[in-house]
C-alpha atoms as a PDB file:
ATOM      1  CA  LEU A   1     -12.859  34.870  28.745  1.00  0.00           C
ATOM      2  CA  ASN A   2     -16.321  34.318  30.064  1.00  0.00           C
ATOM      3  CA  PRO A   3     -17.313  30.756  29.077  1.00  0.00           C
ATOM      4  CA  SER A   4     -20.987  31.703  28.991  1.00  0.00           C
ATOM      5  CA  VAL A   5     -20.320  34.314  26.286  1.00  0.00           C
ATOM      6  CA  THR A   6     -19.749  33.632  22.604  1.00  0.00           C
ATOM      7  CA  TYR A   7     -17.537  36.079  20.716  1.00  0.00           C
ATOM      8  CA  ASN A   8     -17.760  36.371  16.927  1.00  0.00           C
ATOM      9  CA  ILE A   9     -14.941  38.463  15.502  1.00  0.00           C
ATOM     10  CA  ILE A  10     -15.271  39.279  11.799  1.00  0.00           C
ATOM     11  CA  ASP A  11     -12.301  40.692   9.903  1.00  0.00           C
ATOM     12  CA  HIS A  12      -9.982  40.328   6.932  1.00  0.00           C
ATOM     13  CA  PRO A  13      -8.198  36.947   6.695  1.00  0.00           C
ATOM     14  CA  TYR A  14      -4.769  38.336   7.580  1.00  0.00           C
ATOM     15  CA  ILE A  15      -6.158  40.213  10.590  1.00  0.00           C
ATOM     16  CA  SER A  16      -7.971  37.050  11.726  1.00  0.00           C
ATOM     17  CA  ALA A  17      -4.587  35.279  11.648  1.00  0.00           C
ATOM     18  CA  LEU A  18      -3.062  38.034  13.795  1.00  0.00           C
ATOM     19  CA  GLN A  19      -6.022  37.873  16.170  1.00  0.00           C
ATOM     20  CA  TYR A  20      -5.513  34.129  16.538  1.00  0.00           C
ATOM     21  CA  ILE A  21      -1.865  34.640  17.505  1.00  0.00           C
ATOM     22  CA  TYR A  22      -2.644  37.506  19.883  1.00  0.00           C
ATOM     23  CA  ILE A  23      -5.642  35.904  21.599  1.00  0.00           C
ATOM     24  CA  SER A  24      -3.952  32.509  22.016  1.00  0.00           C
ATOM     25  CA  ALA A  25      -0.910  34.259  23.545  1.00  0.00           C
ATOM     26  CA  VAL A  26      -3.086  36.288  25.940  1.00  0.00           C
ATOM     27  CA  LEU A  27      -5.139  33.245  26.951  1.00  0.00           C
ATOM     28  CA  LYS A  28      -1.986  31.061  26.954  1.00  0.00           C
ATOM     29  CA  SER A  29      -4.069  28.533  25.000  1.00  0.00           C
ATOM     30  CA  ASP A  30      -5.887  28.201  21.711  1.00  0.00           C
ATOM     31  CA  GLN A  31      -8.510  25.803  23.016  1.00  0.00           C
ATOM     32  CA  GLU A  32     -11.166  28.537  23.334  1.00  0.00           C
ATOM     33  CA  ILE A  33     -10.633  29.749  19.751  1.00  0.00           C
ATOM     34  CA  ASN A  34     -12.681  28.435  16.854  1.00  0.00           C
ATOM     35  CA  ILE A  35     -11.704  29.328  13.279  1.00  0.00           C
ATOM     36  CA  LEU A  36     -14.724  29.138  11.007  1.00  0.00           C
ATOM     37  CA  LYS A  37     -14.670  27.949   7.432  1.00  0.00           C
ATOM     38  CA  TYR A  38     -17.470  28.938   5.057  1.00  0.00           C
ATOM     39  CA  GLY A  39     -20.720  27.339   6.157  1.00  0.00           C
ATOM     40  CA  ASP A  40     -19.505  26.542   9.698  1.00  0.00           C
ATOM     41  CA  LYS A  41     -21.651  27.700  12.582  1.00  0.00           C
ATOM     42  CA  PRO A  42     -20.065  29.576  15.510  1.00  0.00           C
ATOM     43  CA  ARG A  43     -19.447  27.500  18.624  1.00  0.00           C
ATOM     44  CA  LYS A  44     -21.119  28.691  21.817  1.00  0.00           C
ATOM     45  CA  GLY A  45     -18.723  29.746  24.588  1.00  0.00           C
ATOM     46  CA  TYR A  46     -15.824  30.214  22.139  1.00  0.00           C
ATOM     47  CA  ILE A  47     -14.049  33.069  20.431  1.00  0.00           C
ATOM     48  CA  ASN A  48     -15.073  32.491  16.823  1.00  0.00           C
ATOM     49  CA  LEU A  49     -12.748  34.044  14.254  1.00  0.00           C
ATOM     50  CA  ILE A  50     -14.572  34.601  10.993  1.00  0.00           C
ATOM     51  CA  SER A  51     -12.675  35.849   7.964  1.00  0.00           C
ATOM     52  CA  LEU A  52     -14.745  37.968   5.599  1.00  0.00           C
ATOM     53  CA  ASN A  53     -14.355  35.374   2.856  1.00  0.00           C
ATOM     54  CA  ASN A  54     -15.932  32.766   5.177  1.00  0.00           C
ATOM     55  CA  LEU A  55     -18.830  34.917   6.350  1.00  0.00           C
ATOM     56  CA  SER A  56     -22.389  33.792   5.800  1.00  0.00           C
ATOM     57  CA  GLY A  57     -24.519  36.358   7.632  1.00  0.00           C
ATOM     58  CA  SER A  58     -27.534  34.165   8.204  1.00  0.00           C
ATOM     59  CA  ASP A  59     -25.445  31.911  10.495  1.00  0.00           C
ATOM     60  CA  LEU A  60     -24.936  34.607  13.098  1.00  0.00           C
ATOM     61  CA  ASN A  61     -27.307  35.688  15.828  1.00  0.00           C
ATOM     62  CA  SER A  62     -25.806  38.117  18.289  1.00  0.00           C
ATOM     63  CA  ASP A  63     -26.781  39.914  21.448  1.00  0.00           C
ATOM     64  CA  ALA A  64     -24.458  42.806  20.644  1.00  0.00           C
ATOM     65  CA  PHE A  65     -22.892  44.271  17.524  1.00  0.00           C
ATOM     66  CA  ILE A  66     -19.833  46.446  18.173  1.00  0.00           C
ATOM     67  CA  SER A  67     -17.842  48.281  15.535  1.00  0.00           C
ATOM     68  CA  THR A  68     -15.382  51.013  16.414  1.00  0.00           C
ATOM     69  CA  PHE A  69     -14.413  52.891  13.256  1.00  0.00           C
ATOM     70  CA  ALA A  70     -14.536  49.737  11.137  1.00  0.00           C
ATOM     71  CA  LEU A  71     -17.977  49.201   9.621  1.00  0.00           C
ATOM     72  CA  THR A  72     -18.476  52.753   8.387  1.00  0.00           C
ATOM     73  CA  GLU A  73     -14.966  52.729   6.934  1.00  0.00           C
ATOM     74  CA  SER A  74     -15.613  49.514   5.038  1.00  0.00           C
ATOM     75  CA  SER A  75     -16.780  49.075   1.478  1.00  0.00           C
ATOM     76  CA  GLU A  76     -20.334  49.825   0.464  1.00  0.00           C
ATOM     77  CA  TYR A  77     -20.806  46.062  -0.076  1.00  0.00           C
ATOM     78  CA  SER A  78     -19.829  45.349   3.554  1.00  0.00           C
ATOM     79  CA  LEU A  79     -22.124  48.073   4.871  1.00  0.00           C
ATOM     80  CA  LYS A  80     -25.048  46.720   2.861  1.00  0.00           C
ATOM     81  CA  PHE A  81     -24.248  43.138   3.925  1.00  0.00           C
ATOM     82  CA  VAL A  82     -24.411  43.992   7.633  1.00  0.00           C
ATOM     83  CA  LEU A  83     -27.495  46.165   7.196  1.00  0.00           C
ATOM     84  CA  ASN A  84     -29.294  43.509   5.107  1.00  0.00           C
ATOM     85  CA  ASN A  85     -28.454  40.889   7.759  1.00  0.00           C
ATOM     86  CA  SER A  86     -29.995  43.124  10.452  1.00  0.00           C
ATOM     87  CA  PHE A  87     -26.698  43.484  12.308  1.00  0.00           C
ATOM     88  CA  PHE A  88     -26.827  39.723  12.889  1.00  0.00           C
ATOM     89  CA  HIS A  89     -30.079  40.167  14.814  1.00  0.00           C
ATOM     90  CA  SER A  90     -28.344  42.086  17.598  1.00  0.00           C
ATOM     91  CA  LYS A  91     -30.424  43.622  20.358  1.00  0.00           C
ATOM     92  CA  ASN A  92     -27.606  45.999  21.343  1.00  0.00           C
ATOM     93  CA  ILE A  93     -25.585  48.034  18.863  1.00  0.00           C
ATOM     94  CA  LEU A  94     -22.565  50.296  19.295  1.00  0.00           C
ATOM     95  CA  ILE A  95     -21.007  51.869  16.218  1.00  0.00           C
ATOM     96  CA  ALA A  96     -18.298  54.520  16.370  1.00  0.00           C
ATOM     97  CA  TYR A  97     -17.833  56.523  13.178  1.00  0.00           C
ATOM     98  CA  GLN A  98     -16.499  59.724  11.647  1.00  0.00           C
ATOM     99  CA  SER A  99     -19.007  62.052  10.044  1.00  0.00           C
ATOM    100  CA  ALA A 100     -16.396  63.974   8.057  1.00  0.00           C
ATOM    101  CA  ASN A 101     -13.811  61.809   6.353  1.00  0.00           C
ATOM    102  CA  PRO A 102     -13.423  62.386   2.594  1.00  0.00           C
ATOM    103  CA  SER A 103     -11.526  59.092   2.175  1.00  0.00           C
ATOM    104  CA  VAL A 104     -14.593  57.168   3.402  1.00  0.00           C
ATOM    105  CA  PRO A 105     -17.397  58.238   1.066  1.00  0.00           C
ATOM    106  CA  TYR A 106     -20.057  55.767   2.212  1.00  0.00           C
ATOM    107  CA  GLY A 107     -19.535  55.916   5.976  1.00  0.00           C
ATOM    108  CA  PRO A 108     -21.473  59.047   6.937  1.00  0.00           C
ATOM    109  CA  MET A 109     -24.291  58.273   4.495  1.00  0.00           C
ATOM    110  CA  TYR A 110     -24.727  54.739   5.845  1.00  0.00           C
ATOM    111  CA  ALA A 111     -24.397  55.933   9.435  1.00  0.00           C
ATOM    112  CA  ASN A 112     -27.447  58.135   8.790  1.00  0.00           C
ATOM    113  CA  ILE A 113     -29.342  55.284   7.098  1.00  0.00           C
ATOM    114  CA  ILE A 114     -28.470  52.886   9.941  1.00  0.00           C
ATOM    115  CA  SER A 115     -29.397  55.435  12.593  1.00  0.00           C
ATOM    116  CA  SER A 116     -32.798  56.227  11.132  1.00  0.00           C
ATOM    117  CA  LYS A 117     -33.680  52.649  10.173  1.00  0.00           C
ATOM    118  CA  LEU A 118     -32.805  51.225  13.608  1.00  0.00           C
ATOM    119  CA  ASN A 119     -33.732  54.296  15.660  1.00  0.00           C
ATOM    120  CA  LEU A 120     -30.254  54.564  17.208  1.00  0.00           C
ATOM    121  CA  ARG A 121     -29.116  57.390  19.462  1.00  0.00           C
ATOM    122  CA  LYS A 122     -26.340  59.567  18.055  1.00  0.00           C
ATOM    123  CA  ILE A 123     -23.920  60.687  20.758  1.00  0.00           C
ATOM    124  CA  PRO A 124     -20.776  62.820  20.322  1.00  0.00           C
ATOM    125  CA  ILE A 125     -17.690  60.903  21.415  1.00  0.00           C
ATOM    126  CA  SER A 126     -15.740  63.927  22.617  1.00  0.00           C
ATOM    127  CA  PRO A 127     -16.008  67.719  22.465  1.00  0.00           C
ATOM    128  CA  HIS A 128     -12.423  67.689  21.147  1.00  0.00           C
ATOM    129  CA  ARG A 129     -13.314  65.516  18.139  1.00  0.00           C
ATOM    130  CA  SER A 130     -16.423  67.126  16.733  1.00  0.00           C
ATOM    131  CA  SER A 131     -16.824  64.749  13.784  1.00  0.00           C
ATOM    132  CA  ASP A 132     -16.734  61.494  15.818  1.00  0.00           C
ATOM    133  CA  TYR A 133     -19.946  59.896  17.037  1.00  0.00           C
ATOM    134  CA  TYR A 134     -21.409  56.790  18.601  1.00  0.00           C
ATOM    135  CA  LEU A 135     -24.606  55.257  17.330  1.00  0.00           C
ATOM    136  CA  MET A 136     -26.132  53.065  20.010  1.00  0.00           C
ATOM    137  CA  ARG A 137     -29.049  51.242  21.475  1.00  0.00           C
END
């Protein structure tokens, strides 16, 4: 943990609980972990665990937004929420996604919208996985 960095981890409530257990075990302490309730602001220099039901997008300002096969596999509501909150005002963005997954109908469409709206570079992840890409800036 770098004390000059603030981490905001957004996920489902049950995954946030698992993250709390895992991170506190790895750090051998829970003193650097802050669990946000709705309306709370993230604490600087902490790992802030934010359950989706406690998320208020306007409270977050980030240097980097990272999503590896999560955002584009989320609901259309979640995709719109992040897009409408300008990726929490992040200067740097890294999104990994699949362009061909029939079980995720909104992912590829929103990946294209996100890419064009934010002028992100689209980079193949691997020549062995032709439908997986990074969007980044």
